[in-house]
Amino acid sequence: MNVIADTVSRVFYAEYGKKVGTANLPPRSGEPYVPNFCYSIAKIGGKLGFKPEWSIERDVKQLIEYGMENL
C-alpha cells in the first residue's frame, strides 16, 4: 500500500503542484493482516503469462483526474 500511496502523492504533485499526505491506518475489524505481504506481477507473469497494459502511474493519474472532475 505504501507504494500506491507514494505514487498517488507523486502524481498529484506533478499534475496539480500540491502535496498530499498519507495515513497508515490499522486493519479494519475482520480484515486480515499479513505483515510484509506484496502482490507480484512478475510471479503472475511467469505462471500465467500476464503482462499489464497500463502502469500504476497511468492508473493513478486517471483516477485522480476522474476525482477532480467529479467530486
PDB file of N, CA and C in Angstrom:
ATOM      1  N   MET A   1       0.821  -1.195   0.000  1.00  0.00           N
ATOM      2  CA  MET A   1       0.000   0.000   0.000  1.00  0.00           C
ATOM      3  C   MET A   1       0.863   1.257   0.000  1.00  0.00           C
ATOM      4  N   ASN A   2       2.024   1.191   0.625  1.00  0.00           N
ATOM      5  CA  ASN A   2       2.865   2.385   0.652  1.00  0.00           C
ATOM      6  C   ASN A   2       3.308   2.795  -0.744  1.00  0.00           C
ATOM      7  N   VAL A   3       3.541   1.827  -1.617  1.00  0.00           N
ATOM      8  CA  VAL A   3       3.948   2.142  -2.992  1.00  0.00           C
ATOM      9  C   VAL A   3       2.824   2.896  -3.696  1.00  0.00           C
ATOM     10  N   ILE A   4       1.600   2.447  -3.511  1.00  0.00           N
ATOM     11  CA  ILE A   4       0.459   3.122  -4.139  1.00  0.00           C
ATOM     12  C   ILE A   4       0.282   4.516  -3.550  1.00  0.00           C
ATOM     13  N   ALA A   5       0.369   4.645  -2.224  1.00  0.00           N
ATOM     14  CA  ALA A   5       0.224   5.955  -1.586  1.00  0.00           C
ATOM     15  C   ALA A   5       1.307   6.923  -2.072  1.00  0.00           C
ATOM     16  N   ASP A   6       2.542   6.443  -2.171  1.00  0.00           N
ATOM     17  CA  ASP A   6       3.630   7.289  -2.666  1.00  0.00           C
ATOM     18  C   ASP A   6       3.400   7.687  -4.121  1.00  0.00           C
ATOM     19  N   THR A   7       2.878   6.777  -4.918  1.00  0.00           N
ATOM     20  CA  THR A   7       2.588   7.065  -6.324  1.00  0.00           C
ATOM     21  C   THR A   7       1.497   8.118  -6.437  1.00  0.00           C
ATOM     22  N   VAL A   8       0.444   7.990  -5.634  1.00  0.00           N
ATOM     23  CA  VAL A   8      -0.627   8.994  -5.643  1.00  0.00           C
ATOM     24  C   VAL A   8      -0.060  10.361  -5.289  1.00  0.00           C
ATOM     25  N   SER A   9       0.744  10.438  -4.242  1.00  0.00           N
ATOM     26  CA  SER A   9       1.337  11.715  -3.834  1.00  0.00           C
ATOM     27  C   SER A   9       2.189  12.318  -4.943  1.00  0.00           C
ATOM     28  N   ARG A  10       3.017  11.482  -5.570  1.00  0.00           N
ATOM     29  CA  ARG A  10       3.912  11.967  -6.629  1.00  0.00           C
ATOM     30  C   ARG A  10       3.139  12.434  -7.858  1.00  0.00           C
ATOM     31  N   VAL A  11       2.147  11.655  -8.287  1.00  0.00           N
ATOM     32  CA  VAL A  11       1.357  12.013  -9.475  1.00  0.00           C
ATOM     33  C   VAL A  11       0.532  13.259  -9.207  1.00  0.00           C
ATOM     34  N   PHE A  12      -0.086  13.357  -8.034  1.00  0.00           N
ATOM     35  CA  PHE A  12      -0.897  14.525  -7.713  1.00  0.00           C
ATOM     36  C   PHE A  12      -0.040  15.788  -7.700  1.00  0.00           C
ATOM     37  N   TYR A  13       1.147  15.690  -7.134  1.00  0.00           N
ATOM     38  CA  TYR A  13       2.042  16.846  -7.110  1.00  0.00           C
ATOM     39  C   TYR A  13       2.467  17.238  -8.530  1.00  0.00           C
ATOM     40  N   ALA A  14       2.770  16.252  -9.364  1.00  0.00           N
ATOM     41  CA  ALA A  14       3.180  16.539 -10.741  1.00  0.00           C
ATOM     42  C   ALA A  14       2.056  17.202 -11.531  1.00  0.00           C
ATOM     43  N   GLU A  15       0.815  16.782 -11.297  1.00  0.00           N
ATOM     44  CA  GLU A  15      -0.319  17.299 -12.068  1.00  0.00           C
ATOM     45  C   GLU A  15      -0.863  18.622 -11.528  1.00  0.00           C
ATOM     46  N   TYR A  16      -0.870  18.772 -10.198  1.00  0.00           N
ATOM     47  CA  TYR A  16      -1.544  19.923  -9.590  1.00  0.00           C
ATOM     48  C   TYR A  16      -0.639  20.800  -8.740  1.00  0.00           C
ATOM     49  N   GLY A  17       0.618  20.411  -8.556  1.00  0.00           N
ATOM     50  CA  GLY A  17       1.560  21.215  -7.794  1.00  0.00           C
ATOM     51  C   GLY A  17       1.245  21.290  -6.313  1.00  0.00           C
ATOM     52  N   LYS A  18       0.462  20.362  -5.809  1.00  0.00           N
ATOM     53  CA  LYS A  18       0.101  20.345  -4.394  1.00  0.00           C
ATOM     54  C   LYS A  18       0.535  19.032  -3.776  1.00  0.00           C
ATOM     55  N   LYS A  19       1.090  19.127  -2.569  1.00  0.00           N
ATOM     56  CA  LYS A  19       1.491  17.921  -1.856  1.00  0.00           C
ATOM     57  C   LYS A  19       0.296  17.358  -1.104  1.00  0.00           C
ATOM     58  N   VAL A  20       0.165  16.047  -1.105  1.00  0.00           N
ATOM     59  CA  VAL A  20      -0.884  15.378  -0.342  1.00  0.00           C
ATOM     60  C   VAL A  20      -0.215  14.421   0.634  1.00  0.00           C
ATOM     61  N   GLY A  21      -0.810  14.316   1.799  1.00  0.00           N
ATOM     62  CA  GLY A  21      -0.261  13.428   2.816  1.00  0.00           C
ATOM     63  C   GLY A  21      -0.888  12.049   2.734  1.00  0.00           C
ATOM     64  N   THR A  22      -0.300  11.117   3.432  1.00  0.00           N
ATOM     65  CA  THR A  22      -0.829   9.772   3.512  1.00  0.00           C
ATOM     66  C   THR A  22      -1.007   9.397   4.982  1.00  0.00           C
ATOM     67  N   ALA A  23      -1.880   8.465   5.234  1.00  0.00           N
ATOM     68  CA  ALA A  23      -2.118   7.985   6.592  1.00  0.00           C
ATOM     69  C   ALA A  23      -2.075   6.466   6.590  1.00  0.00           C
ATOM     70  N   ASN A  24      -1.311   5.909   7.482  1.00  0.00           N
ATOM     71  CA  ASN A  24      -1.256   4.460   7.644  1.00  0.00           C
ATOM     72  C   ASN A  24      -2.190   4.078   8.784  1.00  0.00           C
ATOM     73  N   LEU A  25      -3.286   3.443   8.434  1.00  0.00           N
ATOM     74  CA  LEU A  25      -4.294   3.066   9.415  1.00  0.00           C
ATOM     75  C   LEU A  25      -4.196   1.585   9.739  1.00  0.00           C
ATOM     76  N   PRO A  26      -4.614   1.198  10.933  1.00  0.00           N
ATOM     77  CA  PRO A  26      -4.605  -0.230  11.260  1.00  0.00           C
ATOM     78  C   PRO A  26      -5.681  -0.958  10.456  1.00  0.00           C
ATOM     79  N   PRO A  27      -5.568  -2.275  10.331  1.00  0.00           N
ATOM     80  CA  PRO A  27      -6.594  -3.042   9.613  1.00  0.00           C
ATOM     81  C   PRO A  27      -7.969  -2.834  10.244  1.00  0.00           C
ATOM     82  N   ARG A  28      -9.008  -2.836   9.391  1.00  0.00           N
ATOM     83  CA  ARG A  28     -10.378  -2.726   9.887  1.00  0.00           C
ATOM     84  C   ARG A  28     -10.798  -4.038  10.542  1.00  0.00           C
ATOM     85  N   SER A  29     -11.836  -3.977  11.329  1.00  0.00           N
ATOM     86  CA  SER A  29     -12.341  -5.163  12.003  1.00  0.00           C
ATOM     87  C   SER A  29     -12.676  -6.246  10.978  1.00  0.00           C
ATOM     88  N   GLY A  30     -12.138  -7.435  11.175  1.00  0.00           N
ATOM     89  CA  GLY A  30     -12.382  -8.542  10.269  1.00  0.00           C
ATOM     90  C   GLY A  30     -11.454  -8.590   9.073  1.00  0.00           C
ATOM     91  N   GLU A  31     -10.653  -7.565   8.873  1.00  0.00           N
ATOM     92  CA  GLU A  31      -9.728  -7.512   7.737  1.00  0.00           C
ATOM     93  C   GLU A  31      -8.431  -8.230   8.118  1.00  0.00           C
ATOM     94  N   PRO A  32      -7.984  -9.185   7.324  1.00  0.00           N
ATOM     95  CA  PRO A  32      -6.763  -9.905   7.692  1.00  0.00           C
ATOM     96  C   PRO A  32      -5.540  -9.004   7.567  1.00  0.00           C
ATOM     97  N   TYR A  33      -4.579  -9.235   8.399  1.00  0.00           N
ATOM     98  CA  TYR A  33      -3.314  -8.504   8.333  1.00  0.00           C
ATOM     99  C   TYR A  33      -2.188  -9.506   8.150  1.00  0.00           C
ATOM    100  N   VAL A  34      -1.451  -9.369   7.078  1.00  0.00           N
ATOM    101  CA  VAL A  34      -0.319 -10.240   6.811  1.00  0.00           C
ATOM    102  C   VAL A  34       0.903  -9.349   6.656  1.00  0.00           C
ATOM    103  N   PRO A  35       1.820  -9.372   7.634  1.00  0.00           N
ATOM    104  CA  PRO A  35       2.992  -8.499   7.538  1.00  0.00           C
ATOM    105  C   PRO A  35       3.837  -8.820   6.304  1.00  0.00           C
ATOM    106  N   ASN A  36       4.358  -7.779   5.693  1.00  0.00           N
ATOM    107  CA  ASN A  36       5.245  -7.897   4.527  1.00  0.00           C
ATOM    108  C   ASN A  36       4.597  -8.603   3.333  1.00  0.00           C
ATOM    109  N   PHE A  37       3.279  -8.516   3.214  1.00  0.00           N
ATOM    110  CA  PHE A  37       2.569  -9.115   2.085  1.00  0.00           C
ATOM    111  C   PHE A  37       2.702  -8.200   0.876  1.00  0.00           C
ATOM    112  N   CYS A  38       2.927  -8.793  -0.292  1.00  0.00           N
ATOM    113  CA  CYS A  38       3.091  -7.990  -1.500  1.00  0.00           C
ATOM    114  C   CYS A  38       2.656  -8.808  -2.716  1.00  0.00           C
ATOM    115  N   TYR A  39       1.843  -8.186  -3.583  1.00  0.00           N
ATOM    116  CA  TYR A  39       1.499  -8.827  -4.848  1.00  0.00           C
ATOM    117  C   TYR A  39       2.695  -8.755  -5.779  1.00  0.00           C
ATOM    118  N   SER A  40       2.842  -9.737  -6.649  1.00  0.00           N
ATOM    119  CA  SER A  40       3.969  -9.762  -7.567  1.00  0.00           C
ATOM    120  C   SER A  40       3.487  -9.949  -8.998  1.00  0.00           C
ATOM    121  N   ILE A  41       3.633  -8.908  -9.798  1.00  0.00           N
ATOM    122  CA  ILE A  41       3.308  -9.006 -11.223  1.00  0.00           C
ATOM    123  C   ILE A  41       4.260  -9.999 -11.892  1.00  0.00           C
ATOM    124  N   ALA A  42       5.505 -10.041 -11.450  1.00  0.00           N
ATOM    125  CA  ALA A  42       6.476 -10.962 -12.041  1.00  0.00           C
ATOM    126  C   ALA A  42       6.035 -12.410 -11.851  1.00  0.00           C
ATOM    127  N   LYS A  43       5.531 -12.735 -10.672  1.00  0.00           N
ATOM    128  CA  LYS A  43       5.081 -14.106 -10.409  1.00  0.00           C
ATOM    129  C   LYS A  43       3.866 -14.444 -11.269  1.00  0.00           C
ATOM    130  N   ILE A  44       2.923 -13.514 -11.375  1.00  0.00           N
ATOM    131  CA  ILE A  44       1.737 -13.732 -12.204  1.00  0.00           C
ATOM    132  C   ILE A  44       2.145 -13.872 -13.669  1.00  0.00           C
ATOM    133  N   GLY A  45       3.085 -13.027 -14.091  1.00  0.00           N
ATOM    134  CA  GLY A  45       3.562 -13.091 -15.473  1.00  0.00           C
ATOM    135  C   GLY A  45       4.242 -14.403 -15.786  1.00  0.00           C
ATOM    136  N   GLY A  46       5.042 -14.889 -14.840  1.00  0.00           N
ATOM    137  CA  GLY A  46       5.758 -16.144 -15.056  1.00  0.00           C
ATOM    138  C   GLY A  46       4.837 -17.349 -15.116  1.00  0.00           C
ATOM    139  N   LYS A  47       3.814 -17.343 -14.269  1.00  0.00           N
ATOM    140  CA  LYS A  47       2.915 -18.506 -14.216  1.00  0.00           C
ATOM    141  C   LYS A  47       1.798 -18.441 -15.249  1.00  0.00           C
ATOM    142  N   LEU A  48       1.288 -17.251 -15.514  1.00  0.00           N
ATOM    143  CA  LEU A  48       0.125 -17.126 -16.393  1.00  0.00           C
ATOM    144  C   LEU A  48       0.395 -16.362 -17.686  1.00  0.00           C
ATOM    145  N   GLY A  49       1.585 -15.778 -17.804  1.00  0.00           N
ATOM    146  CA  GLY A  49       1.896 -15.000 -18.994  1.00  0.00           C
ATOM    147  C   GLY A  49       1.267 -13.612 -18.999  1.00  0.00           C
ATOM    148  N   PHE A  50       0.834 -13.141 -17.816  1.00  0.00           N
ATOM    149  CA  PHE A  50       0.187 -11.832 -17.723  1.00  0.00           C
ATOM    150  C   PHE A  50       1.199 -10.712 -17.901  1.00  0.00           C
ATOM    151  N   LYS A  51       0.829  -9.726 -18.720  1.00  0.00           N
ATOM    152  CA  LYS A  51       1.635  -8.518 -18.894  1.00  0.00           C
ATOM    153  C   LYS A  51       0.687  -7.332 -18.784  1.00  0.00           C
ATOM    154  N   PRO A  52       0.886  -6.456 -17.792  1.00  0.00           N
ATOM    155  CA  PRO A  52      -0.019  -5.313 -17.647  1.00  0.00           C
ATOM    156  C   PRO A  52       0.065  -4.380 -18.844  1.00  0.00           C
ATOM    157  N   GLU A  53      -1.086  -3.856 -19.258  1.00  0.00           N
ATOM    158  CA  GLU A  53      -1.123  -2.903 -20.367  1.00  0.00           C
ATOM    159  C   GLU A  53      -0.905  -1.473 -19.883  1.00  0.00           C
ATOM    160  N   TRP A  54      -1.245  -1.210 -18.633  1.00  0.00           N
ATOM    161  CA  TRP A  54      -1.104   0.123 -18.054  1.00  0.00           C
ATOM    162  C   TRP A  54      -0.120   0.068 -16.902  1.00  0.00           C
ATOM    163  N   SER A  55       0.508   1.204 -16.620  1.00  0.00           N
ATOM    164  CA  SER A  55       1.373   1.306 -15.447  1.00  0.00           C
ATOM    165  C   SER A  55       0.555   1.814 -14.266  1.00  0.00           C
ATOM    166  N   ILE A  56       1.047   1.616 -13.079  1.00  0.00           N
ATOM    167  CA  ILE A  56       0.352   2.116 -11.895  1.00  0.00           C
ATOM    168  C   ILE A  56       0.237   3.644 -11.959  1.00  0.00           C
ATOM    169  N   GLU A  57       1.254   4.315 -12.498  1.00  0.00           N
ATOM    170  CA  GLU A  57       1.203   5.774 -12.621  1.00  0.00           C
ATOM    171  C   GLU A  57       0.055   6.213 -13.520  1.00  0.00           C
ATOM    172  N   ARG A  58      -0.133   5.518 -14.628  1.00  0.00           N
ATOM    173  CA  ARG A  58      -1.223   5.860 -15.554  1.00  0.00           C
ATOM    174  C   ARG A  58      -2.582   5.633 -14.895  1.00  0.00           C
ATOM    175  N   ASP A  59      -2.721   4.522 -14.184  1.00  0.00           N
ATOM    176  CA  ASP A  59      -3.976   4.239 -13.477  1.00  0.00           C
ATOM    177  C   ASP A  59      -4.278   5.300 -12.434  1.00  0.00           C
ATOM    178  N   VAL A  60      -3.275   5.647 -11.642  1.00  0.00           N
ATOM    179  CA  VAL A  60      -3.455   6.644 -10.583  1.00  0.00           C
ATOM    180  C   VAL A  60      -3.801   8.000 -11.191  1.00  0.00           C
ATOM    181  N   LYS A  61      -3.123   8.374 -12.265  1.00  0.00           N
ATOM    182  CA  LYS A  61      -3.406   9.651 -12.923  1.00  0.00           C
ATOM    183  C   LYS A  61      -4.852   9.703 -13.399  1.00  0.00           C
ATOM    184  N   GLN A  62      -5.338   8.615 -13.997  1.00  0.00           N
ATOM    185  CA  GLN A  62      -6.718   8.571 -14.469  1.00  0.00           C
ATOM    186  C   GLN A  62      -7.695   8.678 -13.296  1.00  0.00           C
ATOM    187  N   LEU A  63      -7.405   8.009 -12.202  1.00  0.00           N
ATOM    188  CA  LEU A  63      -8.261   8.062 -11.019  1.00  0.00           C
ATOM    189  C   LEU A  63      -8.294   9.474 -10.430  1.00  0.00           C
ATOM    190  N   ILE A  64      -7.155  10.129 -10.341  1.00  0.00           N
ATOM    191  CA  ILE A  64      -7.096  11.498  -9.817  1.00  0.00           C
ATOM    192  C   ILE A  64      -7.872  12.446 -10.732  1.00  0.00           C
ATOM    193  N   GLU A  65      -7.682  12.325 -12.048  1.00  0.00           N
ATOM    194  CA  GLU A  65      -8.407  13.182 -12.990  1.00  0.00           C
ATOM    195  C   GLU A  65      -9.915  13.006 -12.839  1.00  0.00           C
ATOM    196  N   TYR A  66     -10.363  11.760 -12.721  1.00  0.00           N
ATOM    197  CA  TYR A  66     -11.790  11.500 -12.538  1.00  0.00           C
ATOM    198  C   TYR A  66     -12.302  12.143 -11.244  1.00  0.00           C
ATOM    199  N   GLY A  67     -11.545  11.964 -10.177  1.00  0.00           N
ATOM    200  CA  GLY A  67     -11.957  12.544  -8.900  1.00  0.00           C
ATOM    201  C   GLY A  67     -12.014  14.059  -8.935  1.00  0.00           C
ATOM    202  N   MET A  68     -11.043  14.681  -9.559  1.00  0.00           N
ATOM    203  CA  MET A  68     -11.021  16.148  -9.623  1.00  0.00           C
ATOM    204  C   MET A  68     -12.174  16.683 -10.470  1.00  0.00           C
ATOM    205  N   GLU A  69     -12.586  15.940 -11.482  1.00  0.00           N
ATOM    206  CA  GLU A  69     -13.673  16.384 -12.342  1.00  0.00           C
ATOM    207  C   GLU A  69     -15.055  16.083 -11.770  1.00  0.00           C
ATOM    208  N   ASN A  70     -15.165  15.076 -10.925  1.00  0.00           N
ATOM    209  CA  ASN A  70     -16.488  14.613 -10.495  1.00  0.00           C
ATOM    210  C   ASN A  70     -16.778  14.740  -9.005  1.00  0.00           C
ATOM    211  N   LEU A  71     -15.835  15.176  -8.221  1.00  0.00           N
ATOM    212  CA  LEU A  71     -16.091  15.310  -6.778  1.00  0.00           C
ATOM    213  C   LEU A  71     -16.233  16.749  -6.365  1.00  0.00           C
TER     214      LEU A  71
END
